[in-house]
């Protein structure tokens, strides 16, 4: 992922006025920043999660201002090793004010989801699609303000959200 892409994502997340939603559809990701920390977890080493501070602080600010931040993880069960790792620190996101839910893939068979997979929708008017390589590394972002693109993303997110389980209640199979 180019640093300009990361900056665009951070700016869109920071500058919301009402809400953002984030759909995650992959069983594993390979972002540069995460790989080091995932490797630490695999070796049984502790992590202080300082690398997440910028995100958690942003979410705290949004929640304090009454803005909504929701993340929906579509997962395969049993969980991948990556998703098991992420589950160990999801509480940090929740404690910061992000509403995180999980939905196993089989619950979504009757839903139409955007073929691109992962996306954000900011304030119900801007969609950002995250395009990944086969090994989970983010290759690019694509932004659209076209209502014919944004509206189906929000509709599919809400439909999947209604089938999902709140983080604190989620028990992987």
C-alpha atoms as a PDB file:
ATOM      1  CA  UNK A   1       0.000   0.000   0.000  1.00  0.00           C
ATOM      2  CA  UNK A   2       1.378   3.365  -0.953  1.00  0.00           C
ATOM      3  CA  UNK A   3       1.704   5.895   1.855  1.00  0.00           C
ATOM      4  CA  UNK A   4      -0.586   8.268  -0.070  1.00  0.00           C
ATOM      5  CA  UNK A   5      -3.307   5.568  -0.018  1.00  0.00           C
ATOM      6  CA  UNK A   6      -2.877   5.147   3.738  1.00  0.00           C
ATOM      7  CA  UNK A   7      -3.092   8.909   4.149  1.00  0.00           C
ATOM      8  CA  UNK A   8      -6.298   9.033   2.074  1.00  0.00           C
ATOM      9  CA  UNK A   9      -7.874   6.329   4.237  1.00  0.00           C
ATOM     10  CA  UNK A  10      -6.811   8.061   7.454  1.00  0.00           C
ATOM     11  CA  UNK A  11      -8.167  11.379   6.203  1.00  0.00           C
ATOM     12  CA  UNK A  12     -11.530   9.901   5.205  1.00  0.00           C
ATOM     13  CA  UNK A  13     -11.829   8.119   8.565  1.00  0.00           C
ATOM     14  CA  UNK A  14     -10.836  11.207  10.556  1.00  0.00           C
ATOM     15  CA  UNK A  15     -13.056  13.627   8.677  1.00  0.00           C
ATOM     16  CA  UNK A  16     -16.434  11.927   9.073  1.00  0.00           C
ATOM     17  CA  UNK A  17     -19.312  14.023  10.362  1.00  0.00           C
ATOM     18  CA  UNK A  18     -21.744  11.213  11.272  1.00  0.00           C
ATOM     19  CA  UNK A  19     -20.451   7.697  10.725  1.00  0.00           C
ATOM     20  CA  UNK A  20     -18.346   5.162   8.953  1.00  0.00           C
ATOM     21  CA  UNK A  21     -18.887   1.474   8.362  1.00  0.00           C
ATOM     22  CA  UNK A  22     -16.193  -1.014   7.447  1.00  0.00           C
ATOM     23  CA  UNK A  23     -16.801  -4.454   5.926  1.00  0.00           C
ATOM     24  CA  UNK A  24     -13.945  -6.951   6.212  1.00  0.00           C
ATOM     25  CA  UNK A  25     -14.292 -10.123   4.147  1.00  0.00           C
ATOM     26  CA  UNK A  26     -10.884 -11.798   4.138  1.00  0.00           C
ATOM     27  CA  UNK A  27      -9.719 -14.558   6.460  1.00  0.00           C
ATOM     28  CA  UNK A  28      -6.226 -13.086   6.522  1.00  0.00           C
ATOM     29  CA  UNK A  29      -4.503  -9.853   5.666  1.00  0.00           C
ATOM     30  CA  UNK A  30      -0.847  -9.084   5.150  1.00  0.00           C
ATOM     31  CA  UNK A  31      -0.527  -5.401   5.839  1.00  0.00           C
ATOM     32  CA  UNK A  32       3.041  -4.316   6.402  1.00  0.00           C
ATOM     33  CA  UNK A  33       2.378  -2.975   9.880  1.00  0.00           C
ATOM     34  CA  UNK A  34       0.423  -6.038  11.026  1.00  0.00           C
ATOM     35  CA  UNK A  35       2.846  -8.725   9.857  1.00  0.00           C
ATOM     36  CA  UNK A  36       5.442  -7.896  12.505  1.00  0.00           C
ATOM     37  CA  UNK A  37       2.877  -7.967  15.322  1.00  0.00           C
ATOM     38  CA  UNK A  38       1.205 -11.128  14.074  1.00  0.00           C
ATOM     39  CA  UNK A  39       4.613 -12.816  13.975  1.00  0.00           C
ATOM     40  CA  UNK A  40       5.173 -11.742  17.589  1.00  0.00           C
ATOM     41  CA  UNK A  41       1.850 -13.336  18.577  1.00  0.00           C
ATOM     42  CA  UNK A  42       2.757 -16.535  16.740  1.00  0.00           C
ATOM     43  CA  UNK A  43       5.980 -16.672  18.763  1.00  0.00           C
ATOM     44  CA  UNK A  44       4.074 -16.044  22.008  1.00  0.00           C
ATOM     45  CA  UNK A  45       5.643 -12.611  22.531  1.00  0.00           C
ATOM     46  CA  UNK A  46       3.720  -9.759  24.192  1.00  0.00           C
ATOM     47  CA  UNK A  47       2.593  -6.705  22.246  1.00  0.00           C
ATOM     48  CA  UNK A  48       1.875  -3.247  23.661  1.00  0.00           C
ATOM     49  CA  UNK A  49      -0.380  -2.430  20.659  1.00  0.00           C
ATOM     50  CA  UNK A  50       1.077   1.079  20.410  1.00  0.00           C
ATOM     51  CA  UNK A  51       0.858   0.647  16.638  1.00  0.00           C
ATOM     52  CA  UNK A  52      -2.952   0.916  17.017  1.00  0.00           C
ATOM     53  CA  UNK A  53      -2.915   4.118  19.093  1.00  0.00           C
ATOM     54  CA  UNK A  54      -3.689   6.470  16.195  1.00  0.00           C
ATOM     55  CA  UNK A  55      -6.778   4.427  15.257  1.00  0.00           C
ATOM     56  CA  UNK A  56      -8.047   3.983  18.802  1.00  0.00           C
ATOM     57  CA  UNK A  57      -7.620   7.695  19.561  1.00  0.00           C
ATOM     58  CA  UNK A  58      -9.517   8.608  16.410  1.00  0.00           C
ATOM     59  CA  UNK A  59     -12.392   6.263  17.311  1.00  0.00           C
ATOM     60  CA  UNK A  60     -12.513   7.666  20.858  1.00  0.00           C
ATOM     61  CA  UNK A  61     -12.828  11.150  19.417  1.00  0.00           C
ATOM     62  CA  UNK A  62     -15.629  10.103  17.083  1.00  0.00           C
ATOM     63  CA  UNK A  63     -17.549   8.409  19.866  1.00  0.00           C
ATOM     64  CA  UNK A  64     -17.107  11.377  22.199  1.00  0.00           C
ATOM     65  CA  UNK A  65     -18.602  13.563  19.442  1.00  0.00           C
ATOM     66  CA  UNK A  66     -21.539  11.150  18.996  1.00  0.00           C
ATOM     67  CA  UNK A  67     -20.367   9.691  15.694  1.00  0.00           C
ATOM     68  CA  UNK A  68     -20.820   6.000  14.858  1.00  0.00           C
ATOM     69  CA  UNK A  69     -17.972   3.651  13.894  1.00  0.00           C
ATOM     70  CA  UNK A  70     -18.999   0.112  12.909  1.00  0.00           C
ATOM     71  CA  UNK A  71     -16.858  -2.798  11.699  1.00  0.00           C
ATOM     72  CA  UNK A  72     -18.269  -6.076  10.404  1.00  0.00           C
ATOM     73  CA  UNK A  73     -15.999  -9.084  10.018  1.00  0.00           C
ATOM     74  CA  UNK A  74     -17.137 -11.852   7.695  1.00  0.00           C
ATOM     75  CA  UNK A  75     -15.290 -14.959   8.851  1.00  0.00           C
ATOM     76  CA  UNK A  76     -14.828 -18.595   7.984  1.00  0.00           C
ATOM     77  CA  UNK A  77     -15.136 -21.056  10.847  1.00  0.00           C
ATOM     78  CA  UNK A  78     -13.088 -22.452  12.290  1.00  0.00           C
ATOM     79  CA  UNK A  79     -11.288 -19.127  12.348  1.00  0.00           C
ATOM     80  CA  UNK A  80      -8.053 -18.702  10.458  1.00  0.00           C
ATOM     81  CA  UNK A  81      -4.925 -18.187  12.517  1.00  0.00           C
ATOM     82  CA  UNK A  82      -5.002 -14.518  11.530  1.00  0.00           C
ATOM     83  CA  UNK A  83      -8.607 -14.073  12.706  1.00  0.00           C
ATOM     84  CA  UNK A  84      -7.810 -15.843  15.993  1.00  0.00           C
ATOM     85  CA  UNK A  85      -5.011 -13.310  16.515  1.00  0.00           C
ATOM     86  CA  UNK A  86      -7.257 -10.340  15.693  1.00  0.00           C
ATOM     87  CA  UNK A  87      -9.895 -11.633  18.096  1.00  0.00           C
ATOM     88  CA  UNK A  88      -7.355 -11.378  20.942  1.00  0.00           C
ATOM     89  CA  UNK A  89      -7.190  -7.581  20.675  1.00  0.00           C
ATOM     90  CA  UNK A  90     -10.592  -6.635  19.246  1.00  0.00           C
ATOM     91  CA  UNK A  91     -11.578  -5.531  22.751  1.00  0.00           C
ATOM     92  CA  UNK A  92      -9.263  -2.530  22.249  1.00  0.00           C
ATOM     93  CA  UNK A  93     -11.418  -1.371  19.317  1.00  0.00           C
ATOM     94  CA  UNK A  94     -14.634  -1.970  21.254  1.00  0.00           C
ATOM     95  CA  UNK A  95     -13.363  -0.153  24.350  1.00  0.00           C
ATOM     96  CA  UNK A  96     -12.439   2.809  22.148  1.00  0.00           C
ATOM     97  CA  UNK A  97     -16.045   2.947  20.918  1.00  0.00           C
ATOM     98  CA  UNK A  98     -16.054   0.952  17.707  1.00  0.00           C
ATOM     99  CA  UNK A  99     -18.996  -1.437  17.361  1.00  0.00           C
ATOM    100  CA  UNK A 100     -17.494  -4.688  16.051  1.00  0.00           C
ATOM    101  CA  UNK A 101     -19.558  -7.676  14.947  1.00  0.00           C
ATOM    102  CA  UNK A 102     -18.836 -11.053  13.422  1.00  0.00           C
ATOM    103  CA  UNK A 103     -20.816 -13.037  10.892  1.00  0.00           C
ATOM    104  CA  UNK A 104     -19.858 -16.510   9.666  1.00  0.00           C
ATOM    105  CA  UNK A 105     -19.902 -16.822   5.873  1.00  0.00           C
ATOM    106  CA  UNK A 106     -22.728 -19.396   5.690  1.00  0.00           C
ATOM    107  CA  UNK A 107     -25.162 -16.854   7.176  1.00  0.00           C
ATOM    108  CA  UNK A 108     -24.658 -14.649   4.115  1.00  0.00           C
ATOM    109  CA  UNK A 109     -25.638 -17.068   1.330  1.00  0.00           C
ATOM    110  CA  UNK A 110     -28.794 -15.123   0.491  1.00  0.00           C
ATOM    111  CA  UNK A 111     -27.126 -11.683   0.495  1.00  0.00           C
ATOM    112  CA  UNK A 112     -25.527  -9.844  -2.381  1.00  0.00           C
ATOM    113  CA  UNK A 113     -22.228  -8.282  -1.338  1.00  0.00           C
ATOM    114  CA  UNK A 114     -19.991  -6.123  -3.541  1.00  0.00           C
ATOM    115  CA  UNK A 115     -17.602  -8.363  -5.433  1.00  0.00           C
ATOM    116  CA  UNK A 116     -14.650  -6.231  -4.457  1.00  0.00           C
ATOM    117  CA  UNK A 117     -14.950  -7.451  -0.879  1.00  0.00           C
ATOM    118  CA  UNK A 118     -13.705  -5.004   1.738  1.00  0.00           C
ATOM    119  CA  UNK A 119     -14.992  -1.464   1.819  1.00  0.00           C
ATOM    120  CA  UNK A 120     -15.688   1.557   3.976  1.00  0.00           C
ATOM    121  CA  UNK A 121     -18.627   3.917   3.611  1.00  0.00           C
ATOM    122  CA  UNK A 122     -18.126   7.383   5.088  1.00  0.00           C
ATOM    123  CA  UNK A 123     -21.175   9.403   6.126  1.00  0.00           C
ATOM    124  CA  UNK A 124     -23.331   7.310   3.795  1.00  0.00           C
ATOM    125  CA  UNK A 125     -21.988   9.163   0.769  1.00  0.00           C
ATOM    126  CA  UNK A 126     -18.426   8.049  -0.019  1.00  0.00           C
ATOM    127  CA  UNK A 127     -17.367   4.440  -0.561  1.00  0.00           C
ATOM    128  CA  UNK A 128     -13.766   3.328  -0.436  1.00  0.00           C
ATOM    129  CA  UNK A 129     -12.993  -0.129  -1.782  1.00  0.00           C
ATOM    130  CA  UNK A 130      -9.861  -1.895  -0.588  1.00  0.00           C
ATOM    131  CA  UNK A 131      -8.300  -4.127  -3.251  1.00  0.00           C
ATOM    132  CA  UNK A 132      -5.955  -6.891  -2.087  1.00  0.00           C
ATOM    133  CA  UNK A 133      -3.492  -9.241  -3.684  1.00  0.00           C
ATOM    134  CA  UNK A 134      -3.934 -12.979  -3.222  1.00  0.00           C
ATOM    135  CA  UNK A 135      -1.694 -13.011  -0.146  1.00  0.00           C
ATOM    136  CA  UNK A 136      -3.657 -10.274   1.624  1.00  0.00           C
ATOM    137  CA  UNK A 137      -1.494  -7.255   0.927  1.00  0.00           C
ATOM    138  CA  UNK A 138      -3.442  -4.125   0.064  1.00  0.00           C
ATOM    139  CA  UNK A 139      -2.754  -3.274  -3.560  1.00  0.00           C
ATOM    140  CA  UNK A 140      -4.905  -0.172  -3.937  1.00  0.00           C
ATOM    141  CA  UNK A 141      -7.933   1.822  -2.879  1.00  0.00           C
ATOM    142  CA  UNK A 142     -10.762   3.025  -5.064  1.00  0.00           C
ATOM    143  CA  UNK A 143     -13.064   5.845  -3.963  1.00  0.00           C
ATOM    144  CA  UNK A 144     -16.555   6.507  -5.292  1.00  0.00           C
ATOM    145  CA  UNK A 145     -19.143   9.128  -4.493  1.00  0.00           C
ATOM    146  CA  UNK A 146     -21.575   7.709  -7.048  1.00  0.00           C
ATOM    147  CA  UNK A 147     -24.861   7.059  -5.200  1.00  0.00           C
ATOM    148  CA  UNK A 148     -25.417   4.013  -7.454  1.00  0.00           C
ATOM    149  CA  UNK A 149     -22.269   2.521  -5.948  1.00  0.00           C
ATOM    150  CA  UNK A 150     -22.533   3.800  -2.374  1.00  0.00           C
ATOM    151  CA  UNK A 151     -26.187   2.878  -1.772  1.00  0.00           C
ATOM    152  CA  UNK A 152     -25.807  -0.870  -2.547  1.00  0.00           C
ATOM    153  CA  UNK A 153     -22.748  -0.971  -0.276  1.00  0.00           C
ATOM    154  CA  UNK A 154     -24.743   0.485   2.616  1.00  0.00           C
ATOM    155  CA  UNK A 155     -27.685  -1.832   1.909  1.00  0.00           C
ATOM    156  CA  UNK A 156     -25.485  -4.928   1.839  1.00  0.00           C
ATOM    157  CA  UNK A 157     -23.622  -3.805   4.953  1.00  0.00           C
ATOM    158  CA  UNK A 158     -26.868  -3.263   6.890  1.00  0.00           C
ATOM    159  CA  UNK A 159     -28.294  -6.615   5.760  1.00  0.00           C
ATOM    160  CA  UNK A 160     -25.142  -8.452   6.853  1.00  0.00           C
ATOM    161  CA  UNK A 161     -24.947  -6.379  10.067  1.00  0.00           C
ATOM    162  CA  UNK A 162     -28.421  -7.597  11.012  1.00  0.00           C
ATOM    163  CA  UNK A 163     -27.198 -11.209  10.775  1.00  0.00           C
ATOM    164  CA  UNK A 164     -24.022 -10.613  12.776  1.00  0.00           C
ATOM    165  CA  UNK A 165     -23.127 -11.245  16.403  1.00  0.00           C
ATOM    166  CA  UNK A 166     -21.841  -8.526  18.728  1.00  0.00           C
ATOM    167  CA  UNK A 167     -18.159  -9.021  19.572  1.00  0.00           C
ATOM    168  CA  UNK A 168     -18.778  -9.770  23.267  1.00  0.00           C
ATOM    169  CA  UNK A 169     -21.303 -12.473  22.361  1.00  0.00           C
ATOM    170  CA  UNK A 170     -19.370 -14.024  19.480  1.00  0.00           C
ATOM    171  CA  UNK A 171     -18.121 -17.573  20.111  1.00  0.00           C
ATOM    172  CA  UNK A 172     -16.327 -19.004  17.097  1.00  0.00           C
ATOM    173  CA  UNK A 173     -17.280 -22.530  16.056  1.00  0.00           C
END
